[in-house]
Amino acid sequence: MKAIGVQESLPITNPDSLVSFETAIKKPAEDDILVKVKAFSVNPIDTKIRMSLRQRITRPRILGFDGVGEVVAVGENVQDYQIGETIFYLNSKIKPGSNAEYQLVNPNMAAKVPQSCSLAGAATLPLVSLTAYEALFERLAIPFESKTQQSILILNGAGGVGSMAIQLAKLAGLNVVASASREETRQWVESMGADAVINHHHNLVDECELLGPAAYEFDYVLDLHGLDTHFDEIVELLAPNGRLCTVGDGQLTVDSEDFKSKSLSLSFESVFTKSFYKTQNLNSQHTALTQIAEWIDNNQLKAPLTETFNGLTVENLQKAHAVLETKQMIGKLVIEL
């Protein structure tokens, strides 16, 4: 089969930054699904891993951390999926990725695609919707549909995770303030359902004060940007007993007294933790994807698809990585095979 991978960390403008090669189609183990890949999204983690190799490797690493595919074979222990069905799925960090014609998938990290969604739209969902879902409902422990008019601040709302987090937070009954720094990103987060928008290139406290005369206090903050830039401002904006979850990168020094005086909590979210450490609750990702597909089909959520490239080619992958490396991507970019 054809696959595209990385052998050496090179700038995306280098012709050898990604390479096309042929590799064998692996048979599924007893707990695996083999899919014929139909579409996959390109995520910031693809660019980070591409640039993280310490030295050139002989066998290219296939990137791609979620996708949509047709089931073509199942392991003997797999019962919930049939040959011919179409599924959307998250990929483990330690298995070959979705930038290929065929891929082995863990059924605990997959679900049947939403019926009302295009394949490209479905391909946008697994990584970003699971990250948002786990951050909101597991890390921040937001009670679903509590209707208590609690509030959340979502930093960097125009990316893929932010787009889904805004929608899921609204679905849970929260008042949502999201950050965006450009007019087009402001319009995007408003279209996702944000009640108000602030600029994360400015002081967050000052920005929130502009929203109204009342002092702003958030029950929850979801950081998708990196805490090192606005950490003190976030602590000030959090209400007593508030919860902060970060998905972003960056160096962080925490003064425990700041957290202790307000009884605040801080958590980190990585959607790959469950598969990497083989936790007992890995199947929760299948459950969450099934629920997300239902919400999509009920028009309660929408896929954040903004751009599609056609064809599994080095040129398309390089173009996609280049777009993401501008750090100005709105929504999600998908490659259809």
C-alpha atoms as a PDB file:
ATOM      1  CA  MET A   1       0.000   0.000   0.000  1.00  0.00           C
ATOM      2  CA  LYS A   2       0.995   3.630  -0.408  1.00  0.00           C
ATOM      3  CA  ALA A   3       1.872   5.644   2.699  1.00  0.00           C
ATOM      4  CA  ILE A   4       3.439   9.008   3.452  1.00  0.00           C
ATOM      5  CA  GLY A   5       5.780   9.507   6.391  1.00  0.00           C
ATOM      6  CA  VAL A   6       8.643  11.424   7.924  1.00  0.00           C
ATOM      7  CA  GLN A   7      12.278  10.252   8.005  1.00  0.00           C
ATOM      8  CA  GLU A   8      14.043  13.373   9.171  1.00  0.00           C
ATOM      9  CA  SER A   9      13.027  16.625  10.858  1.00  0.00           C
ATOM     10  CA  LEU A  10      13.195  19.182   8.069  1.00  0.00           C
ATOM     11  CA  PRO A  11      11.398  22.448   7.289  1.00  0.00           C
ATOM     12  CA  ILE A  12       8.166  21.760   5.432  1.00  0.00           C
ATOM     13  CA  THR A  13       9.569  23.703   2.442  1.00  0.00           C
ATOM     14  CA  ASN A  14      12.239  21.005   2.024  1.00  0.00           C
ATOM     15  CA  PRO A  15      11.134  18.473  -0.647  1.00  0.00           C
ATOM     16  CA  ASP A  16      12.200  15.605   1.654  1.00  0.00           C
ATOM     17  CA  SER A  17      10.278  16.804   4.717  1.00  0.00           C
ATOM     18  CA  LEU A  18       7.686  14.101   3.938  1.00  0.00           C
ATOM     19  CA  VAL A  19       8.230  11.045   1.734  1.00  0.00           C
ATOM     20  CA  SER A  20       5.985   8.623  -0.127  1.00  0.00           C
ATOM     21  CA  PHE A  21       6.759   4.901   0.118  1.00  0.00           C
ATOM     22  CA  GLU A  22       5.229   1.435  -0.232  1.00  0.00           C
ATOM     23  CA  THR A  23       4.614  -0.829   2.761  1.00  0.00           C
ATOM     24  CA  ALA A  24       2.737  -4.051   3.460  1.00  0.00           C
ATOM     25  CA  ILE A  25      -0.902  -4.109   4.548  1.00  0.00           C
ATOM     26  CA  LYS A  26      -0.907  -5.691   7.991  1.00  0.00           C
ATOM     27  CA  LYS A  27      -3.515  -8.225   9.026  1.00  0.00           C
ATOM     28  CA  PRO A  28      -5.553  -7.238  12.088  1.00  0.00           C
ATOM     29  CA  ALA A  29      -4.647  -8.842  15.405  1.00  0.00           C
ATOM     30  CA  GLU A  30      -7.468 -10.367  17.426  1.00  0.00           C
ATOM     31  CA  ASP A  31      -8.496  -6.972  18.859  1.00  0.00           C
ATOM     32  CA  ASP A  32      -7.897  -4.806  15.774  1.00  0.00           C
ATOM     33  CA  ILE A  33      -9.893  -3.469  12.840  1.00  0.00           C
ATOM     34  CA  LEU A  34      -8.335  -2.994   9.405  1.00  0.00           C
ATOM     35  CA  VAL A  35      -9.791  -0.045   7.537  1.00  0.00           C
ATOM     36  CA  LYS A  36      -9.379   1.304   4.037  1.00  0.00           C
ATOM     37  CA  VAL A  37      -8.749   4.985   4.773  1.00  0.00           C
ATOM     38  CA  LYS A  38     -11.232   7.335   3.117  1.00  0.00           C
ATOM     39  CA  ALA A  39     -10.237  10.661   4.702  1.00  0.00           C
ATOM     40  CA  PHE A  40      -8.088  11.986   7.527  1.00  0.00           C
ATOM     41  CA  SER A  41      -7.569  15.321   9.225  1.00  0.00           C
ATOM     42  CA  VAL A  42      -4.226  17.033   9.645  1.00  0.00           C
ATOM     43  CA  ASN A  43      -3.600  18.300  13.187  1.00  0.00           C
ATOM     44  CA  PRO A  44      -0.950  20.478  14.860  1.00  0.00           C
ATOM     45  CA  ILE A  45       0.483  17.352  16.518  1.00  0.00           C
ATOM     46  CA  ASP A  46       1.439  16.083  13.045  1.00  0.00           C
ATOM     47  CA  THR A  47       3.704  19.081  12.529  1.00  0.00           C
ATOM     48  CA  LYS A  48       5.166  18.825  16.038  1.00  0.00           C
ATOM     49  CA  ILE A  49       6.075  15.149  15.657  1.00  0.00           C
ATOM     50  CA  ARG A  50       7.463  15.760  12.173  1.00  0.00           C
ATOM     51  CA  MET A  51       9.915  18.224  13.711  1.00  0.00           C
ATOM     52  CA  SER A  52      10.742  16.159  16.818  1.00  0.00           C
ATOM     53  CA  LEU A  53      13.005  13.461  15.324  1.00  0.00           C
ATOM     54  CA  ARG A  54      16.488  13.616  16.828  1.00  0.00           C
ATOM     55  CA  GLN A  55      18.068  11.939  13.825  1.00  0.00           C
ATOM     56  CA  ARG A  56      17.164  10.487  10.450  1.00  0.00           C
ATOM     57  CA  ILE A  57      15.316   7.150  10.690  1.00  0.00           C
ATOM     58  CA  THR A  58      15.511   4.316   8.162  1.00  0.00           C
ATOM     59  CA  ARG A  59      11.823   3.440   8.084  1.00  0.00           C
ATOM     60  CA  PRO A  60       9.532   6.469   7.637  1.00  0.00           C
ATOM     61  CA  ARG A  61       7.056   7.107  10.442  1.00  0.00           C
ATOM     62  CA  ILE A  62       3.478   7.366   9.181  1.00  0.00           C
ATOM     63  CA  LEU A  63       1.731  10.361  10.772  1.00  0.00           C
ATOM     64  CA  GLY A  64      -1.996  11.029  11.115  1.00  0.00           C
ATOM     65  CA  PHE A  65      -3.955  10.715  14.337  1.00  0.00           C
ATOM     66  CA  ASP A  66      -7.576  10.371  13.286  1.00  0.00           C
ATOM     67  CA  GLY A  67      -9.621   9.559  10.243  1.00  0.00           C
ATOM     68  CA  VAL A  68     -12.533   7.834   8.545  1.00  0.00           C
ATOM     69  CA  GLY A  69     -12.325   4.414   6.941  1.00  0.00           C
ATOM     70  CA  GLU A  70     -14.260   1.444   5.605  1.00  0.00           C
ATOM     71  CA  VAL A  71     -13.904  -1.748   7.638  1.00  0.00           C
ATOM     72  CA  VAL A  72     -12.268  -4.398   5.440  1.00  0.00           C
ATOM     73  CA  ALA A  73     -11.233  -6.956   8.090  1.00  0.00           C
ATOM     74  CA  VAL A  74     -11.745  -7.501  11.827  1.00  0.00           C
ATOM     75  CA  GLY A  75      -9.886  -9.487  14.496  1.00  0.00           C
ATOM     76  CA  GLU A  76     -11.554 -12.515  16.029  1.00  0.00           C
ATOM     77  CA  ASN A  77     -12.399 -10.656  19.259  1.00  0.00           C
ATOM     78  CA  VAL A  78     -14.078  -7.704  17.509  1.00  0.00           C
ATOM     79  CA  GLN A  79     -17.855  -7.990  17.667  1.00  0.00           C
ATOM     80  CA  ASP A  80     -19.342  -4.501  17.227  1.00  0.00           C
ATOM     81  CA  TYR A  81     -18.113  -3.786  13.693  1.00  0.00           C
ATOM     82  CA  GLN A  82     -18.884  -5.489  10.397  1.00  0.00           C
ATOM     83  CA  ILE A  83     -17.009  -5.548   7.103  1.00  0.00           C
ATOM     84  CA  GLY A  84     -18.313  -2.766   4.873  1.00  0.00           C
ATOM     85  CA  GLU A  85     -19.222  -0.356   7.696  1.00  0.00           C
ATOM     86  CA  THR A  86     -17.695   3.109   7.812  1.00  0.00           C
ATOM     87  CA  ILE A  87     -16.142   4.251  11.080  1.00  0.00           C
ATOM     88  CA  PHE A  88     -14.387   7.342  12.400  1.00  0.00           C
ATOM     89  CA  TYR A  89     -11.571   6.888  14.858  1.00  0.00           C
ATOM     90  CA  LEU A  90      -8.678   8.236  16.899  1.00  0.00           C
ATOM     91  CA  ASN A  91      -5.222   6.770  16.415  1.00  0.00           C
ATOM     92  CA  SER A  92      -2.719   5.865  19.119  1.00  0.00           C
ATOM     93  CA  LYS A  93       0.601   7.712  19.187  1.00  0.00           C
ATOM     94  CA  ILE A  94       2.471   4.409  19.046  1.00  0.00           C
ATOM     95  CA  LYS A  95       0.859   2.879  15.940  1.00  0.00           C
ATOM     96  CA  PRO A  96       1.303   3.761  12.254  1.00  0.00           C
ATOM     97  CA  GLY A  97      -0.988   6.645  11.386  1.00  0.00           C
ATOM     98  CA  SER A  98      -3.735   7.476   8.934  1.00  0.00           C
ATOM     99  CA  ASN A  99      -1.571   9.038   6.202  1.00  0.00           C
ATOM    100  CA  ALA A 100      -1.847   5.756   4.282  1.00  0.00           C
ATOM    101  CA  GLU A 101      -4.246   3.717   2.184  1.00  0.00           C
ATOM    102  CA  TYR A 102      -4.928   1.207   4.980  1.00  0.00           C
ATOM    103  CA  GLN A 103      -4.661   1.386   8.768  1.00  0.00           C
ATOM    104  CA  LEU A 104      -5.129  -0.788  11.842  1.00  0.00           C
ATOM    105  CA  VAL A 105      -7.586   0.743  14.316  1.00  0.00           C
ATOM    106  CA  ASN A 106      -8.404   0.003  17.954  1.00  0.00           C
ATOM    107  CA  PRO A 107     -12.202  -0.503  18.243  1.00  0.00           C
ATOM    108  CA  ASN A 108     -12.155   1.173  21.672  1.00  0.00           C
ATOM    109  CA  MET A 109     -11.131   4.385  19.941  1.00  0.00           C
ATOM    110  CA  ALA A 110     -13.676   4.245  17.122  1.00  0.00           C
ATOM    111  CA  ALA A 111     -17.396   4.497  16.398  1.00  0.00           C
ATOM    112  CA  LYS A 112     -19.732   4.346  13.414  1.00  0.00           C
ATOM    113  CA  VAL A 113     -19.726   7.601  11.465  1.00  0.00           C
ATOM    114  CA  PRO A 114     -22.582  10.062  11.863  1.00  0.00           C
ATOM    115  CA  GLN A 115     -25.015   9.435   9.030  1.00  0.00           C
ATOM    116  CA  SER A 116     -25.731  13.110   8.312  1.00  0.00           C
ATOM    117  CA  CYS A 117     -22.097  14.074   7.875  1.00  0.00           C
ATOM    118  CA  SER A 118     -19.829  13.938   4.847  1.00  0.00           C
ATOM    119  CA  LEU A 119     -16.750  11.735   5.118  1.00  0.00           C
ATOM    120  CA  ALA A 120     -14.576  14.851   5.197  1.00  0.00           C
ATOM    121  CA  GLY A 121     -16.719  16.334   7.951  1.00  0.00           C
ATOM    122  CA  ALA A 122     -16.555  13.130   9.977  1.00  0.00           C
ATOM    123  CA  ALA A 123     -12.774  13.058   9.596  1.00  0.00           C
ATOM    124  CA  THR A 124     -12.516  16.398  11.411  1.00  0.00           C
ATOM    125  CA  LEU A 125     -14.102  15.053  14.571  1.00  0.00           C
ATOM    126  CA  PRO A 126     -12.252  12.297  16.453  1.00  0.00           C
ATOM    127  CA  LEU A 127      -9.143  14.005  17.847  1.00  0.00           C
ATOM    128  CA  VAL A 128     -10.613  17.451  18.475  1.00  0.00           C
ATOM    129  CA  SER A 129     -14.029  16.361  19.721  1.00  0.00           C
ATOM    130  CA  LEU A 130     -12.549  13.760  22.089  1.00  0.00           C
ATOM    131  CA  THR A 131     -10.006  16.270  23.401  1.00  0.00           C
ATOM    132  CA  ALA A 132     -12.758  18.810  24.045  1.00  0.00           C
ATOM    133  CA  TYR A 133     -15.094  16.182  25.519  1.00  0.00           C
ATOM    134  CA  GLU A 134     -12.497  14.819  27.940  1.00  0.00           C
ATOM    135  CA  ALA A 135     -11.286  18.289  28.931  1.00  0.00           C
ATOM    136  CA  LEU A 136     -14.796  19.522  29.707  1.00  0.00           C
ATOM    137  CA  PHE A 137     -16.512  16.493  31.184  1.00  0.00           C
ATOM    138  CA  GLU A 138     -13.619  14.506  32.680  1.00  0.00           C
ATOM    139  CA  ARG A 139     -10.898  17.005  33.620  1.00  0.00           C
ATOM    140  CA  LEU A 140     -13.090  20.011  34.470  1.00  0.00           C
ATOM    141  CA  ALA A 141     -15.903  17.692  35.653  1.00  0.00           C
ATOM    142  CA  ILE A 142     -18.605  19.941  34.203  1.00  0.00           C
ATOM    143  CA  PRO A 143     -22.024  18.473  35.036  1.00  0.00           C
ATOM    144  CA  PHE A 144     -23.746  17.889  31.733  1.00  0.00           C
ATOM    145  CA  GLU A 145     -26.906  19.907  31.130  1.00  0.00           C
ATOM    146  CA  SER A 146     -26.889  21.268  34.680  1.00  0.00           C
ATOM    147  CA  LYS A 147     -28.521  24.473  33.405  1.00  0.00           C
ATOM    148  CA  THR A 148     -26.970  26.374  36.307  1.00  0.00           C
ATOM    149  CA  GLN A 149     -25.705  29.185  34.069  1.00  0.00           C
ATOM    150  CA  GLN A 150     -22.117  28.539  35.023  1.00  0.00           C
ATOM    151  CA  SER A 151     -19.494  30.178  32.833  1.00  0.00           C
ATOM    152  CA  ILE A 152     -16.379  29.070  30.968  1.00  0.00           C
ATOM    153  CA  LEU A 153     -13.558  30.933  29.269  1.00  0.00           C
ATOM    154  CA  ILE A 154     -12.089  29.072  26.275  1.00  0.00           C
ATOM    155  CA  LEU A 155      -8.747  30.418  25.094  1.00  0.00           C
ATOM    156  CA  ASN A 156      -7.999  30.020  21.369  1.00  0.00           C
ATOM    157  CA  GLY A 157     -11.538  29.196  20.341  1.00  0.00           C
ATOM    158  CA  ALA A 158     -11.099  29.186  16.560  1.00  0.00           C
ATOM    159  CA  GLY A 159      -9.003  26.019  16.237  1.00  0.00           C
ATOM    160  CA  GLY A 160     -10.380  22.530  15.936  1.00  0.00           C
ATOM    161  CA  VAL A 161     -10.508  21.753  19.671  1.00  0.00           C
ATOM    162  CA  GLY A 162     -11.837  25.209  20.465  1.00  0.00           C
ATOM    163  CA  SER A 163     -14.563  24.886  17.843  1.00  0.00           C
ATOM    164  CA  MET A 164     -15.828  21.667  19.418  1.00  0.00           C
ATOM    165  CA  ALA A 165     -15.322  22.857  23.019  1.00  0.00           C
ATOM    166  CA  ILE A 166     -17.509  25.915  22.421  1.00  0.00           C
ATOM    167  CA  GLN A 167     -20.303  23.760  21.019  1.00  0.00           C
ATOM    168  CA  LEU A 168     -20.062  21.127  23.756  1.00  0.00           C
ATOM    169  CA  ALA A 169     -19.986  23.753  26.507  1.00  0.00           C
ATOM    170  CA  LYS A 170     -23.128  25.366  25.090  1.00  0.00           C
ATOM    171  CA  LEU A 171     -24.750  21.951  24.873  1.00  0.00           C
ATOM    172  CA  ALA A 172     -23.994  21.535  28.589  1.00  0.00           C
ATOM    173  CA  GLY A 173     -25.743  24.808  29.383  1.00  0.00           C
ATOM    174  CA  LEU A 174     -22.734  27.040  30.057  1.00  0.00           C
ATOM    175  CA  ASN A 175     -22.248  30.683  29.240  1.00  0.00           C
ATOM    176  CA  VAL A 176     -19.238  30.675  26.920  1.00  0.00           C
ATOM    177  CA  VAL A 177     -16.649  33.390  26.438  1.00  0.00           C
ATOM    178  CA  ALA A 178     -14.041  32.445  23.823  1.00  0.00           C
ATOM    179  CA  SER A 179     -10.904  34.190  22.647  1.00  0.00           C
ATOM    180  CA  ALA A 180      -9.971  35.092  19.081  1.00  0.00           C
ATOM    181  CA  SER A 181      -7.512  37.669  17.771  1.00  0.00           C
ATOM    182  CA  ARG A 182      -8.651  38.393  14.200  1.00  0.00           C
ATOM    183  CA  GLU A 183     -11.947  39.468  12.701  1.00  0.00           C
ATOM    184  CA  GLU A 184     -12.334  36.187  10.774  1.00  0.00           C
ATOM    185  CA  THR A 185     -11.620  34.097  13.891  1.00  0.00           C
ATOM    186  CA  ARG A 186     -14.011  36.242  15.930  1.00  0.00           C
ATOM    187  CA  GLN A 187     -16.748  35.568  13.393  1.00  0.00           C
ATOM    188  CA  TRP A 188     -15.922  31.852  13.452  1.00  0.00           C
ATOM    189  CA  VAL A 189     -16.178  31.430  17.233  1.00  0.00           C
ATOM    190  CA  GLU A 190     -19.442  33.355  17.205  1.00  0.00           C
ATOM    191  CA  SER A 191     -20.744  30.950  14.558  1.00  0.00           C
ATOM    192  CA  MET A 192     -19.765  28.055  16.864  1.00  0.00           C
ATOM    193  CA  GLY A 193     -22.006  29.533  19.552  1.00  0.00           C
ATOM    194  CA  ALA A 194     -19.792  31.676  21.793  1.00  0.00           C
ATOM    195  CA  ASP A 195     -21.801  34.191  23.824  1.00  0.00           C
ATOM    196  CA  ALA A 196     -18.949  36.696  23.836  1.00  0.00           C
ATOM    197  CA  VAL A 197     -15.475  37.016  22.315  1.00  0.00           C
ATOM    198  CA  ILE A 198     -12.275  38.527  23.720  1.00  0.00           C
ATOM    199  CA  ASN A 199      -8.804  39.021  22.218  1.00  0.00           C
ATOM    200  CA  HIS A 200      -6.077  36.791  23.703  1.00  0.00           C
ATOM    201  CA  HIS A 201      -3.386  39.133  22.378  1.00  0.00           C
ATOM    202  CA  HIS A 202      -4.553  41.648  24.992  1.00  0.00           C
ATOM    203  CA  ASN A 203      -4.809  41.491  28.776  1.00  0.00           C
ATOM    204  CA  LEU A 204      -7.599  39.017  29.519  1.00  0.00           C
ATOM    205  CA  VAL A 205      -8.845  40.830  32.619  1.00  0.00           C
ATOM    206  CA  ASP A 206      -9.127  44.103  30.708  1.00  0.00           C
ATOM    207  CA  GLU A 207     -10.860  42.323  27.835  1.00  0.00           C
ATOM    208  CA  CYS A 208     -13.416  40.708  30.148  1.00  0.00           C
ATOM    209  CA  GLU A 209     -14.133  44.013  31.880  1.00  0.00           C
ATOM    210  CA  LEU A 210     -15.120  45.432  28.509  1.00  0.00           C
ATOM    211  CA  LEU A 211     -17.906  42.843  28.265  1.00  0.00           C
ATOM    212  CA  GLY A 212     -19.943  44.574  30.946  1.00  0.00           C
ATOM    213  CA  PRO A 213     -19.892  46.516  34.198  1.00  0.00           C
ATOM    214  CA  ALA A 214     -20.028  43.433  36.406  1.00  0.00           C
ATOM    215  CA  ALA A 215     -16.724  41.830  37.433  1.00  0.00           C
ATOM    216  CA  TYR A 216     -16.187  38.637  35.433  1.00  0.00           C
ATOM    217  CA  GLU A 217     -15.539  35.399  37.286  1.00  0.00           C
ATOM    218  CA  PHE A 218     -15.402  32.073  35.494  1.00  0.00           C
ATOM    219  CA  ASP A 219     -16.261  28.718  36.994  1.00  0.00           C
ATOM    220  CA  TYR A 220     -14.073  27.053  34.368  1.00  0.00           C
ATOM    221  CA  VAL A 221     -11.208  27.974  32.050  1.00  0.00           C
ATOM    222  CA  LEU A 222     -10.080  25.761  29.167  1.00  0.00           C
ATOM    223  CA  ASP A 223      -6.670  26.817  27.845  1.00  0.00           C
ATOM    224  CA  LEU A 224      -5.831  25.786  24.284  1.00  0.00           C
ATOM    225  CA  HIS A 225      -3.124  28.391  23.871  1.00  0.00           C
ATOM    226  CA  GLY A 226      -0.414  27.906  26.515  1.00  0.00           C
ATOM    227  CA  LEU A 227      -0.582  29.060  30.129  1.00  0.00           C
ATOM    228  CA  ASP A 228       2.757  30.845  30.247  1.00  0.00           C
ATOM    229  CA  THR A 229       1.332  33.951  28.551  1.00  0.00           C
ATOM    230  CA  HIS A 230      -1.787  34.674  30.620  1.00  0.00           C
ATOM    231  CA  PHE A 231      -1.485  32.546  33.750  1.00  0.00           C
ATOM    232  CA  ASP A 232      -1.791  35.346  36.347  1.00  0.00           C
ATOM    233  CA  GLU A 233      -4.753  36.811  34.481  1.00  0.00           C
ATOM    234  CA  ILE A 234      -6.496  33.432  34.396  1.00  0.00           C
ATOM    235  CA  VAL A 235      -6.017  32.983  38.141  1.00  0.00           C
ATOM    236  CA  GLU A 236      -7.565  36.409  38.682  1.00  0.00           C
ATOM    237  CA  LEU A 237     -10.523  35.592  36.426  1.00  0.00           C
ATOM    238  CA  LEU A 238     -11.299  32.221  38.010  1.00  0.00           C
ATOM    239  CA  ALA A 239     -14.008  32.205  40.665  1.00  0.00           C
ATOM    240  CA  PRO A 240     -13.339  30.599  44.064  1.00  0.00           C
ATOM    241  CA  ASN A 241     -13.407  26.796  43.643  1.00  0.00           C
ATOM    242  CA  GLY A 242     -12.818  27.317  39.918  1.00  0.00           C
ATOM    243  CA  ARG A 243     -11.239  24.728  37.652  1.00  0.00           C
ATOM    244  CA  LEU A 244      -8.567  25.207  34.999  1.00  0.00           C
ATOM    245  CA  CYS A 245      -7.633  22.666  32.322  1.00  0.00           C
ATOM    246  CA  THR A 246      -4.877  23.171  29.786  1.00  0.00           C
ATOM    247  CA  VAL A 247      -4.210  21.401  26.503  1.00  0.00           C
ATOM    248  CA  GLY A 248      -1.621  23.916  25.348  1.00  0.00           C
ATOM    249  CA  ASP A 249       2.151  23.714  25.534  1.00  0.00           C
ATOM    250  CA  GLY A 250       4.568  26.036  27.278  1.00  0.00           C
ATOM    251  CA  GLN A 251       6.590  26.417  30.455  1.00  0.00           C
ATOM    252  CA  LEU A 252       4.547  26.942  33.608  1.00  0.00           C
ATOM    253  CA  THR A 253       5.547  27.977  37.102  1.00  0.00           C
ATOM    254  CA  VAL A 254       2.696  27.741  39.599  1.00  0.00           C
ATOM    255  CA  ASP A 255       2.536  29.682  42.857  1.00  0.00           C
ATOM    256  CA  SER A 256       0.537  27.292  45.017  1.00  0.00           C
ATOM    257  CA  GLU A 257      -0.642  30.151  47.223  1.00  0.00           C
ATOM    258  CA  ASP A 258      -2.560  31.637  44.300  1.00  0.00           C
ATOM    259  CA  PHE A 259      -4.416  28.356  43.921  1.00  0.00           C
ATOM    260  CA  LYS A 260      -4.812  27.665  47.611  1.00  0.00           C
ATOM    261  CA  SER A 261      -6.418  30.982  48.506  1.00  0.00           C
ATOM    262  CA  LYS A 262      -9.218  30.390  45.980  1.00  0.00           C
ATOM    263  CA  SER A 263      -9.236  26.575  46.266  1.00  0.00           C
ATOM    264  CA  LEU A 264      -8.582  26.316  42.549  1.00  0.00           C
ATOM    265  CA  SER A 265      -7.718  23.141  40.658  1.00  0.00           C
ATOM    266  CA  LEU A 266      -5.444  22.621  37.648  1.00  0.00           C
ATOM    267  CA  SER A 267      -5.517  19.642  35.274  1.00  0.00           C
ATOM    268  CA  PHE A 268      -3.917  18.656  31.982  1.00  0.00           C
ATOM    269  CA  GLU A 269      -5.602  16.921  29.069  1.00  0.00           C
ATOM    270  CA  SER A 270      -3.993  14.625  26.519  1.00  0.00           C
ATOM    271  CA  VAL A 271      -6.328  12.566  24.396  1.00  0.00           C
ATOM    272  CA  PHE A 272      -3.552   9.962  23.970  1.00  0.00           C
ATOM    273  CA  THR A 273      -3.132   9.146  27.676  1.00  0.00           C
ATOM    274  CA  LYS A 274      -5.654   6.312  27.723  1.00  0.00           C
ATOM    275  CA  SER A 275      -4.195   4.459  24.727  1.00  0.00           C
ATOM    276  CA  PHE A 276      -0.539   5.089  25.626  1.00  0.00           C
ATOM    277  CA  TYR A 277      -0.931   3.794  29.181  1.00  0.00           C
ATOM    278  CA  LYS A 278      -3.600   1.203  28.273  1.00  0.00           C
ATOM    279  CA  THR A 279      -5.948   2.480  30.964  1.00  0.00           C
ATOM    280  CA  GLN A 280      -9.019   0.470  31.889  1.00  0.00           C
ATOM    281  CA  ASN A 281     -11.348   3.233  30.701  1.00  0.00           C
ATOM    282  CA  LEU A 282     -10.060   3.338  27.102  1.00  0.00           C
ATOM    283  CA  ASN A 283     -13.496   2.256  25.853  1.00  0.00           C
ATOM    284  CA  SER A 284     -14.840   5.604  27.107  1.00  0.00           C
ATOM    285  CA  GLN A 285     -13.495   7.060  23.859  1.00  0.00           C
ATOM    286  CA  HIS A 286     -15.740   4.726  21.859  1.00  0.00           C
ATOM    287  CA  THR A 287     -18.674   5.784  24.065  1.00  0.00           C
ATOM    288  CA  ALA A 288     -17.878   9.474  23.609  1.00  0.00           C
ATOM    289  CA  LEU A 289     -17.498   9.176  19.817  1.00  0.00           C
ATOM    290  CA  THR A 290     -20.830   7.337  19.636  1.00  0.00           C
ATOM    291  CA  GLN A 291     -22.458  10.170  21.586  1.00  0.00           C
ATOM    292  CA  ILE A 292     -20.795  12.801  19.409  1.00  0.00           C
ATOM    293  CA  ALA A 293     -22.084  11.060  16.271  1.00  0.00           C
ATOM    294  CA  GLU A 294     -25.595  11.157  17.755  1.00  0.00           C
ATOM    295  CA  TRP A 295     -25.313  14.876  18.500  1.00  0.00           C
ATOM    296  CA  ILE A 296     -24.095  15.499  14.943  1.00  0.00           C
ATOM    297  CA  ASP A 297     -27.064  13.591  13.513  1.00  0.00           C
ATOM    298  CA  ASN A 298     -29.441  15.511  15.814  1.00  0.00           C
ATOM    299  CA  ASN A 299     -27.988  18.830  14.573  1.00  0.00           C
ATOM    300  CA  GLN A 300     -26.758  19.651  18.088  1.00  0.00           C
ATOM    301  CA  LEU A 301     -23.134  19.790  16.919  1.00  0.00           C
ATOM    302  CA  LYS A 302     -21.521  20.580  13.583  1.00  0.00           C
ATOM    303  CA  ALA A 303     -18.212  19.468  12.157  1.00  0.00           C
ATOM    304  CA  PRO A 304     -15.574  22.246  12.015  1.00  0.00           C
ATOM    305  CA  LEU A 305     -14.490  21.497   8.428  1.00  0.00           C
ATOM    306  CA  THR A 306     -13.072  24.524   6.614  1.00  0.00           C
ATOM    307  CA  GLU A 307     -10.716  23.120   3.966  1.00  0.00           C
ATOM    308  CA  THR A 308     -10.363  19.870   1.984  1.00  0.00           C
ATOM    309  CA  PHE A 309      -7.524  18.617  -0.225  1.00  0.00           C
ATOM    310  CA  ASN A 310      -8.042  15.655  -2.543  1.00  0.00           C
ATOM    311  CA  GLY A 311      -5.455  12.910  -2.892  1.00  0.00           C
ATOM    312  CA  LEU A 312      -2.873  11.102  -0.760  1.00  0.00           C
ATOM    313  CA  THR A 313       0.181  12.943  -2.069  1.00  0.00           C
ATOM    314  CA  VAL A 314       3.324  14.393  -0.554  1.00  0.00           C
ATOM    315  CA  GLU A 315       2.388  17.740  -2.064  1.00  0.00           C
ATOM    316  CA  ASN A 316      -0.992  17.792  -0.310  1.00  0.00           C
ATOM    317  CA  LEU A 317       0.510  16.781   3.039  1.00  0.00           C
ATOM    318  CA  GLN A 318       3.245  19.393   2.763  1.00  0.00           C
ATOM    319  CA  LYS A 319       0.687  22.034   1.862  1.00  0.00           C
ATOM    320  CA  ALA A 320      -1.455  21.030   4.856  1.00  0.00           C
ATOM    321  CA  HIS A 321       1.496  21.142   7.268  1.00  0.00           C
ATOM    322  CA  ALA A 322       2.483  24.550   5.918  1.00  0.00           C
ATOM    323  CA  VAL A 323      -1.011  25.901   6.571  1.00  0.00           C
ATOM    324  CA  LEU A 324      -0.980  24.620  10.159  1.00  0.00           C
ATOM    325  CA  GLU A 325       2.479  26.014  10.818  1.00  0.00           C
ATOM    326  CA  THR A 326       1.188  29.535  10.140  1.00  0.00           C
ATOM    327  CA  LYS A 327      -0.813  29.077  13.400  1.00  0.00           C
ATOM    328  CA  GLN A 328      -3.710  30.857  11.735  1.00  0.00           C
ATOM    329  CA  MET A 329      -5.797  27.827  10.809  1.00  0.00           C
ATOM    330  CA  ILE A 330      -9.518  28.180  11.464  1.00  0.00           C
ATOM    331  CA  GLY A 331     -11.442  24.962  12.080  1.00  0.00           C
ATOM    332  CA  LYS A 332     -10.052  21.771  10.521  1.00  0.00           C
ATOM    333  CA  LEU A 333      -8.291  20.706   7.322  1.00  0.00           C
ATOM    334  CA  VAL A 334      -8.959  17.273   5.803  1.00  0.00           C
ATOM    335  CA  ILE A 335      -7.375  15.197   3.046  1.00  0.00           C
ATOM    336  CA  GLU A 336      -9.693  12.834   1.168  1.00  0.00           C
ATOM    337  CA  LEU A 337      -8.263   9.789  -0.612  1.00  0.00           C
END
